Every structure is written in structure tokens, then in C-alpha cells.
Amino acid sequence: MKNNNTKSLTAKIWKKDPRAILPALSEPGSVGYDIYALEDIKVFSGSTTYIRTGLVIQPPDGYFISIRSRSGLATRRLVVIPQGVGTIDPSFCGEEDELLVAFTMLPTILMDANGISTLAKFQSPLEIHAGDRIAQMLFEKACLPKLLEVEGPPDQNSRGGFGSTGI
């Protein structure tokens, strides 16, 4: 992907742990950098686990970091970042601010013939090994508009709320 910015952007990365692997683009055209596990660890079904990276990263001025699940882990093992996306502010780059990736392994929900959940089947633990790709890191431009409080809905034409357009 070509960078159309006229100035070069630089993110500062400190290997807090010498075993850490620097983020890398997996192929030309990727928009997210792969993030790697620092140590071996197990992720258990139904729980949240924090995985060390050994890195402290400061995005360029005017940007923040977005940490996202890898699609393969999400679809094959139901391992996701609990809040969907992790946000790293530019000021989160001090000595104690190591990038950790939170993982939650969701249980498989079994449905009966009527589509009613009957049982949550817990999976065997997922073993993460040092050097495994665990997430993707994106640099996103921050936009902080002025907030204006108004006396009613900003638009009088309601769509009907969340879910109103169907599944």
C-alpha cells in the first residue's frame, strides 16, 4: 500500500524485553502489523488471559494504535480481544506501559432444533508459543472534534434504533 503522506511517519518502539519480536507486515499491501507473543502461555475457554509482547510503542503525533484480533484465531478457535478492539493512546509509552494483548476464548454454544441454546461446550486450552502471531496493530489518525451539547436528537429522522435494519 502506498503512503500518500508527504511527510514520513515514525513510530518509536522499545524492546523492553530483549526476546521481543518487532511488529512486521505479513505481506505487501497489509495495513496491520503482526504482533508476536513473548512467552509460552495457555488460554483457557471462558477466561481472559493477558499475553506479553515485550514492547512499548509510541505512535506518531496525531495517531493512536488499534489492536485487533487475528481472523484465524477468531474463526477457528473463538479467541477474541474481549472488548473487540484495544486502543493504545499516544501517552501510553512509558517504562511500565508494555503492550499486553488480552484474549478471551469463547465457549461453543450448542443449539437445539428450535435454535435455543442448550449447553456451552468449553474447548481445550489454546497453547500460545513465544513467537506466535497473536494480534494485528494498526495506526489510526486521531480525530477529536469539538463537542456541542444540543437540546434534542441531532437528527429528527429516526431509523428505529439498533437492529432496525435487520440482521
Foldseek 3Di string as FASTA:
>chain_A
DDDPDPDDWDKDKDQQDPQADDWDAPDPPDQWTFQWFAAKDKAWAPDKDKTFRSMFMAGGPQKKKKKFFDVCCCVVQVKTQVVGIDIGDRVQGDSPNTDIGMIHGYFDFDADPVRHTDDGHIDDIDIGHGGDGGIIMHIGGDDDDDDDDDDDPPDPDDCPDPCSVHD
